[in-house]
């Protein structure tokens, strides 16, 4: 068994531990994730930067809150440019290893910036990044030993959903997250036979992931899963915005994963029309859809959640399974993609 396979299909156990851990720290986390905190800057590199984008969107839509995502390498090259952005903010570092050079350099530089309080979410205990932060949330049970992050990014996303829900006491989102966790193993096992058939019968060489709102980062990570795990080009776009140029390349060799929102009848029709347009291009379609909407696709995954951000859990799990099965079908080792390291040391 490949490590990647084990890490994908063992996600529910890790997610359950993360949920219990984050909720158990709720009282101590109010110092960082409760009003009147009004500015957040989320730092990441690679996959964790993509998760930072979802985190920034989650918080930025809350009244009176400013939230931004910064790539560690961008800040390393331009600290003075971003100094006004990070001053008097809660800085959140997302790092699987806690050892990525850009993140360490940024953390050291930020120690001298006025009003910065720092927190790290990491999958490694005792890391250097932890020692440079005011608070650390450590999720070692979610650490991926394989190069490509799968279980790690799902747990990052889950933790961020919970922290955002804590900010304004959104119990509906917290309950939704708990529900999603309880269904993860069932979802992974249920879709696997259909995914295996799909990767054998559909010879896709290009992948597009479409999603909106707070799913922006986790959807971009879903596209990256294909690039890294099975060496197939993956790209992310907003749903309806895809028509504004990128759709011209959609064809018979394209796999398109669409994440459909539970919306009013007229807006549901807009999403359905886009799906029909893409199906007419002759490629393969996967729909992450609200239960009962009936969007037709080569593979459809129903989501019975009250809060749209929770759909991101299903989206990333589905993308990871397809990418893994595609790698196996193509004879690619998903644990060791050529030219890629688990984390970067400069």
Protein backbone atom coordinates (compact mmCIF):
# COMPACT_ATOMS: atom_id res chain seq x y z
CA UNK A 1 0.00 0.00 0.00
CA UNK A 2 1.27 3.45 -0.89
CA UNK A 3 1.58 5.96 1.96
CA UNK A 4 -0.65 8.33 0.01
CA UNK A 5 -3.41 5.73 -0.11
CA UNK A 6 -3.17 5.10 3.62
CA UNK A 7 -3.17 8.81 4.42
CA UNK A 8 -6.19 9.53 2.22
CA UNK A 9 -8.30 6.66 3.50
CA UNK A 10 -7.43 7.15 7.19
CA UNK A 11 -8.67 10.73 7.23
CA UNK A 12 -11.75 10.25 9.39
CA UNK A 13 -9.73 9.14 12.42
CA UNK A 14 -7.43 12.15 12.08
CA UNK A 15 -10.34 14.55 11.56
CA UNK A 16 -12.08 13.25 14.68
CA UNK A 17 -8.94 13.91 16.72
CA UNK A 18 -8.57 17.39 15.26
CA UNK A 19 -12.19 18.25 16.04
CA UNK A 20 -11.88 17.10 19.65
CA UNK A 21 -8.56 18.90 20.09
CA UNK A 22 -9.67 22.25 18.63
CA UNK A 23 -12.96 22.23 20.50
CA UNK A 24 -11.11 21.32 23.70
CA UNK A 25 -8.94 24.42 23.25
CA UNK A 26 -11.92 26.70 22.60
CA UNK A 27 -11.65 28.75 25.80
CA UNK A 28 -7.92 29.46 25.35
CA UNK A 29 -8.40 30.29 21.66
CA UNK A 30 -10.89 33.07 22.38
CA UNK A 31 -7.89 35.32 22.93
CA UNK A 32 -7.21 35.05 19.20
CA UNK A 33 -10.49 34.08 17.57
CA UNK A 34 -13.21 36.23 19.08
CA UNK A 35 -14.24 39.87 18.79
CA UNK A 36 -12.78 42.46 19.06
CA UNK A 37 -9.96 40.90 16.99
CA UNK A 38 -10.48 42.52 13.62
CA UNK A 39 -7.41 41.84 11.48
CA UNK A 40 -5.99 38.47 10.49
CA UNK A 41 -3.11 37.60 8.20
CA UNK A 42 -2.73 33.95 7.20
CA UNK A 43 0.71 32.82 6.03
CA UNK A 44 1.49 29.70 4.06
CA UNK A 45 3.70 28.19 1.36
CA UNK A 46 2.43 25.94 -1.41
CA UNK A 47 -0.55 23.94 -0.18
CA UNK A 48 -0.70 25.83 3.10
CA UNK A 49 -0.83 29.14 1.19
CA UNK A 50 -3.84 27.84 -0.69
CA UNK A 51 -5.48 26.99 2.64
CA UNK A 52 -4.57 30.49 3.83
CA UNK A 53 -6.67 31.87 0.95
CA UNK A 54 -9.73 29.98 2.18
CA UNK A 55 -9.06 31.16 5.74
CA UNK A 56 -8.78 34.78 4.63
CA UNK A 57 -12.08 34.52 2.74
CA UNK A 58 -13.80 32.93 5.76
CA UNK A 59 -12.86 35.81 8.05
CA UNK A 60 -13.02 38.68 5.55
CA UNK A 61 -16.77 38.23 5.01
CA UNK A 62 -17.45 38.78 8.71
CA UNK A 63 -18.61 42.30 9.64
CA UNK A 64 -15.76 44.55 10.74
CA UNK A 65 -13.03 41.98 10.06
CA UNK A 66 -10.11 42.40 7.67
CA UNK A 67 -8.33 39.22 6.62
CA UNK A 68 -5.56 38.53 4.14
CA UNK A 69 -3.47 35.64 2.84
CA UNK A 70 0.25 36.01 2.21
CA UNK A 71 2.70 33.59 0.63
CA UNK A 72 5.74 33.15 2.82
CA UNK A 73 8.08 33.69 -0.12
CA UNK A 74 6.31 36.91 -1.13
CA UNK A 75 6.71 38.30 2.38
CA UNK A 76 10.36 37.18 2.48
CA UNK A 77 11.10 39.29 -0.60
CA UNK A 78 8.87 42.26 0.31
CA UNK A 79 8.60 42.69 4.11
CA UNK A 80 8.48 46.49 3.99
CA UNK A 81 5.70 46.45 1.40
CA UNK A 82 3.50 44.32 3.64
CA UNK A 83 4.42 45.89 6.99
CA UNK A 84 1.27 48.09 7.13
CA UNK A 85 -0.79 44.98 6.39
CA UNK A 86 0.60 42.91 9.25
CA UNK A 87 0.85 45.60 11.92
CA UNK A 88 -1.61 45.13 14.81
CA UNK A 89 -2.85 41.83 13.45
CA UNK A 90 -3.23 38.22 14.49
CA UNK A 91 -0.81 36.35 12.24
CA UNK A 92 -1.58 32.68 11.64
CA UNK A 93 1.14 30.44 10.18
CA UNK A 94 0.01 27.25 8.45
CA UNK A 95 2.85 24.76 8.14
CA UNK A 96 2.87 20.98 7.96
CA UNK A 97 6.50 20.71 9.14
CA UNK A 98 7.07 23.95 11.00
CA UNK A 99 10.45 23.97 9.24
CA UNK A 100 9.87 25.70 5.88
CA UNK A 101 12.52 28.38 5.45
CA UNK A 102 10.24 31.15 4.19
CA UNK A 103 7.93 30.72 7.16
CA UNK A 104 10.77 30.74 9.69
CA UNK A 105 12.30 33.88 8.20
CA UNK A 106 8.88 35.59 8.15
CA UNK A 107 8.21 34.65 11.78
CA UNK A 108 11.54 36.08 12.91
CA UNK A 109 10.98 39.31 10.99
CA UNK A 110 7.43 39.67 12.29
CA UNK A 111 8.64 39.49 15.89
CA UNK A 112 9.74 43.12 15.54
CA UNK A 113 6.51 44.38 13.95
CA UNK A 114 4.25 46.44 16.18
CA UNK A 115 1.13 44.78 17.56
CA UNK A 116 1.61 41.34 15.99
CA UNK A 117 0.32 38.30 17.84
CA UNK A 118 1.31 35.03 16.19
CA UNK A 119 -0.17 31.56 16.15
CA UNK A 120 0.95 28.46 14.25
CA UNK A 121 -1.08 25.46 13.14
CA UNK A 122 1.30 22.61 12.41
CA UNK A 123 1.46 18.84 12.15
CA UNK A 124 4.82 18.62 13.91
CA UNK A 125 5.48 18.95 17.62
CA UNK A 126 8.53 20.85 18.84
CA UNK A 127 9.22 22.65 15.56
CA UNK A 128 11.25 25.84 15.28
CA UNK A 129 8.19 27.70 14.01
CA UNK A 130 6.33 26.70 17.17
CA UNK A 131 9.10 28.24 19.28
CA UNK A 132 8.75 31.52 17.36
CA UNK A 133 4.97 31.80 17.90
CA UNK A 134 2.85 32.97 20.82
CA UNK A 135 0.52 29.98 20.52
CA UNK A 136 0.69 26.64 18.71
CA UNK A 137 -2.01 24.21 17.62
CA UNK A 138 -0.27 20.90 16.97
CA UNK A 139 -1.96 18.12 15.00
CA UNK A 140 0.69 15.36 14.73
CA UNK A 141 -1.90 12.68 13.93
CA UNK A 142 -2.55 14.48 10.64
CA UNK A 143 1.08 14.62 9.50
CA UNK A 144 1.62 13.19 6.01
CA UNK A 145 4.80 11.18 5.57
CA UNK A 146 4.37 11.13 1.80
CA UNK A 147 5.56 14.16 -0.15
CA UNK A 148 2.12 15.29 -1.28
CA UNK A 149 -0.20 16.63 1.39
CA UNK A 150 -3.61 14.93 1.56
CA UNK A 151 -4.73 14.19 5.12
CA UNK A 152 -2.77 17.25 6.27
CA UNK A 153 -4.64 19.75 4.08
CA UNK A 154 -8.05 18.30 4.98
CA UNK A 155 -7.22 18.73 8.66
CA UNK A 156 -5.91 22.25 8.08
CA UNK A 157 -9.20 23.14 6.39
CA UNK A 158 -11.24 21.55 9.16
CA UNK A 159 -9.30 23.42 11.85
CA UNK A 160 -9.81 26.71 10.02
CA UNK A 161 -13.55 26.08 9.67
CA UNK A 162 -13.77 25.52 13.42
CA UNK A 163 -11.71 28.60 14.31
CA UNK A 164 -13.87 30.75 12.06
CA UNK A 165 -17.04 29.28 13.54
CA UNK A 166 -15.73 29.97 17.04
CA UNK A 167 -15.22 33.64 16.17
CA UNK A 168 -18.94 34.37 16.02
CA UNK A 169 -20.26 31.29 17.87
CA UNK A 170 -21.60 29.68 14.69
CA UNK A 171 -22.88 26.42 16.15
CA UNK A 172 -24.51 25.44 12.84
CA UNK A 173 -21.08 25.38 11.16
CA UNK A 174 -19.55 23.43 14.04
CA UNK A 175 -22.35 20.86 13.88
CA UNK A 176 -21.94 20.64 10.10
CA UNK A 177 -18.23 19.97 10.48
CA UNK A 178 -18.96 17.18 12.96
CA UNK A 179 -21.45 15.70 10.49
CA UNK A 180 -18.94 15.83 7.64
CA UNK A 181 -16.33 14.05 9.73
CA UNK A 182 -18.72 11.24 10.58
CA UNK A 183 -19.36 10.65 6.86
CA UNK A 184 -15.77 10.83 5.59
CA UNK A 185 -14.84 7.12 5.58
CA UNK A 186 -18.21 6.19 4.10
CA UNK A 187 -17.75 8.78 1.34
CA UNK A 188 -14.22 7.63 0.50
CA UNK A 189 -15.20 3.97 0.34
CA UNK A 190 -18.41 4.66 -1.58
CA UNK A 191 -16.83 6.63 -4.42
CA UNK A 192 -13.73 4.49 -4.90
CA UNK A 193 -15.22 1.86 -7.27
CA UNK A 194 -16.79 4.55 -9.45
CA UNK A 195 -13.55 6.53 -9.47
CA UNK A 196 -11.56 3.48 -10.55
CA UNK A 197 -13.95 2.92 -13.43
CA UNK A 198 -13.83 6.59 -14.35
CA UNK A 199 -10.02 6.81 -14.57
CA UNK A 200 -9.92 3.67 -16.74
CA UNK A 201 -12.77 4.64 -19.08
CA UNK A 202 -12.00 8.37 -19.34
CA UNK A 203 -8.58 9.32 -20.63
CA UNK A 204 -8.35 12.83 -19.19
CA UNK A 205 -5.01 14.67 -19.37
CA UNK A 206 -6.14 17.99 -17.90
CA UNK A 207 -8.14 18.86 -14.78
CA UNK A 208 -10.19 21.93 -13.90
CA UNK A 209 -11.70 22.52 -10.45
CA UNK A 210 -14.50 25.08 -10.12
CA UNK A 211 -15.76 26.51 -6.83
CA UNK A 212 -16.71 29.81 -5.21
CA UNK A 213 -16.56 31.64 -1.89
CA UNK A 214 -14.57 30.27 1.01
CA UNK A 215 -13.82 27.14 -1.02
CA UNK A 216 -11.38 29.17 -3.14
CA UNK A 217 -8.26 27.87 -1.42
CA UNK A 218 -9.30 24.27 -0.80
CA UNK A 219 -10.45 24.08 -4.42
CA UNK A 220 -7.09 25.36 -5.64
CA UNK A 221 -5.46 22.70 -3.45
CA UNK A 222 -7.78 20.10 -5.01
CA UNK A 223 -6.41 21.08 -8.43
CA UNK A 224 -2.85 20.90 -7.10
CA UNK A 225 -3.49 17.35 -5.90
CA UNK A 226 -3.65 16.27 -9.56
CA UNK A 227 -0.49 18.13 -10.50
CA UNK A 228 1.49 16.60 -7.64
CA UNK A 229 0.00 13.13 -7.11
CA UNK A 230 -0.60 11.94 -10.68
CA UNK A 231 1.40 14.50 -12.70
CA UNK A 232 -1.69 15.75 -14.55
CA UNK A 233 -2.08 19.51 -14.95
CA UNK A 234 -4.68 20.93 -12.57
CA UNK A 235 -6.15 24.43 -12.50
CA UNK A 236 -8.74 26.27 -10.37
CA UNK A 237 -11.31 28.90 -11.35
CA UNK A 238 -14.45 30.45 -9.92
CA UNK A 239 -17.60 28.73 -11.14
CA UNK A 240 -19.37 31.16 -13.49
CA UNK A 241 -16.15 33.08 -14.16
CA UNK A 242 -14.84 30.00 -15.97
CA UNK A 243 -16.79 31.08 -19.06
CA UNK A 244 -14.75 34.29 -19.24
CA UNK A 245 -11.82 32.83 -21.16
CA UNK A 246 -10.49 29.60 -19.60
CA UNK A 247 -13.39 27.46 -20.84
CA UNK A 248 -12.00 27.73 -24.37
CA UNK A 249 -9.53 24.93 -23.50
CA UNK A 250 -12.16 22.57 -22.11
CA UNK A 251 -12.48 19.54 -24.33
CA UNK A 252 -12.67 15.76 -24.57
CA UNK A 253 -9.47 15.30 -22.51
CA UNK A 254 -10.60 17.56 -19.65
CA UNK A 255 -11.88 16.43 -16.27
CA UNK A 256 -13.97 19.19 -14.70
CA UNK A 257 -14.92 19.07 -11.02
CA UNK A 258 -17.72 21.50 -10.17
CA UNK A 259 -18.79 22.38 -6.63
CA UNK A 260 -22.43 23.45 -6.77
CA UNK A 261 -23.98 25.64 -4.09
CA UNK A 262 -27.40 25.25 -2.45
CA UNK A 263 -29.06 28.39 -3.80
CA UNK A 264 -32.39 29.77 -4.98
CA UNK A 265 -34.07 28.29 -8.04
CA UNK A 266 -32.82 30.93 -10.48
CA UNK A 267 -29.23 30.70 -9.26
CA UNK A 268 -29.39 26.91 -9.27
CA UNK A 269 -30.36 27.18 -12.94
CA UNK A 270 -27.29 29.34 -13.62
CA UNK A 271 -25.08 26.65 -12.14
CA UNK A 272 -26.90 23.93 -14.08
CA UNK A 273 -26.52 25.83 -17.35
CA UNK A 274 -22.77 26.02 -16.83
CA UNK A 275 -22.58 22.31 -16.11
CA UNK A 276 -24.53 21.63 -19.34
CA UNK A 277 -22.15 23.85 -21.31
CA UNK A 278 -19.16 21.98 -19.96
CA UNK A 279 -20.70 18.55 -20.61
CA UNK A 280 -21.25 19.64 -24.21
CA UNK A 281 -17.47 20.04 -24.56
CA UNK A 282 -17.23 16.24 -24.45
CA UNK A 283 -15.00 15.80 -21.41
CA UNK A 284 -15.58 14.19 -18.02
CA UNK A 285 -17.56 15.90 -15.26
CA UNK A 286 -17.73 15.43 -11.50
CA UNK A 287 -20.37 17.34 -9.53
CA UNK A 288 -20.16 17.98 -5.80
CA UNK A 289 -23.82 18.85 -5.41
CA UNK A 290 -26.45 19.63 -2.78
CA UNK A 291 -28.62 16.63 -1.99
CA UNK A 292 -31.76 16.56 -4.13
CA UNK A 293 -30.61 18.99 -6.82
CA UNK A 294 -30.04 16.30 -9.45
CA UNK A 295 -27.19 17.96 -11.34
CA UNK A 296 -26.11 15.32 -13.88
CA UNK A 297 -22.44 14.37 -14.24
CA UNK A 298 -20.24 11.34 -14.90
CA UNK A 299 -19.76 11.18 -11.14
CA UNK A 300 -22.06 12.96 -8.69
CA UNK A 301 -21.43 13.30 -4.96
CA UNK A 302 -24.33 14.48 -2.81
CA UNK A 303 -23.71 16.80 0.16
CA UNK A 304 -26.29 16.95 2.92
CA UNK A 305 -24.84 19.94 4.79
CA UNK A 306 -26.43 23.16 6.00
CA UNK A 307 -23.35 25.35 5.49
CA UNK A 308 -21.64 25.64 2.10
CA UNK A 309 -18.07 25.90 3.53
CA UNK A 310 -18.45 22.30 4.70
CA UNK A 311 -18.67 21.18 1.05
CA UNK A 312 -14.93 21.77 0.93
CA UNK A 313 -14.36 18.60 2.95
CA UNK A 314 -16.16 16.48 0.35
CA UNK A 315 -14.48 18.32 -2.52
CA UNK A 316 -10.92 17.72 -1.32
CA UNK A 317 -11.60 14.06 -0.46
CA UNK A 318 -13.08 13.37 -3.91
CA UNK A 319 -10.20 15.13 -5.68
CA UNK A 320 -7.60 13.21 -3.68
CA UNK A 321 -9.17 9.83 -4.47
CA UNK A 322 -9.39 10.60 -8.19
CA UNK A 323 -5.80 11.88 -8.28
CA UNK A 324 -4.54 8.81 -6.43
CA UNK A 325 -6.38 6.32 -8.65
CA UNK A 326 -5.22 8.20 -11.75
CA UNK A 327 -1.62 7.93 -10.55
CA UNK A 328 -1.94 4.18 -10.04
CA UNK A 329 -3.59 3.75 -13.44
CA UNK A 330 -0.79 5.74 -15.11
CA UNK A 331 2.00 3.89 -13.29
CA UNK A 332 3.04 6.99 -11.32
CA UNK A 333 4.34 6.61 -7.74
CA UNK A 334 2.07 8.97 -5.77
CA UNK A 335 4.41 8.98 -2.76
CA UNK A 336 7.44 10.33 -4.62
CA UNK A 337 6.54 12.72 -7.46
CA UNK A 338 9.63 13.63 -9.47
CA UNK A 339 11.34 16.88 -8.51
CA UNK A 340 9.21 17.59 -5.43
CA UNK A 341 10.22 17.78 -1.76
CA UNK A 342 7.95 17.54 1.28
CA UNK A 343 9.05 21.03 2.38
CA UNK A 344 11.54 23.60 1.19
CA UNK A 345 14.79 24.53 2.89
CA UNK A 346 16.53 27.52 1.34
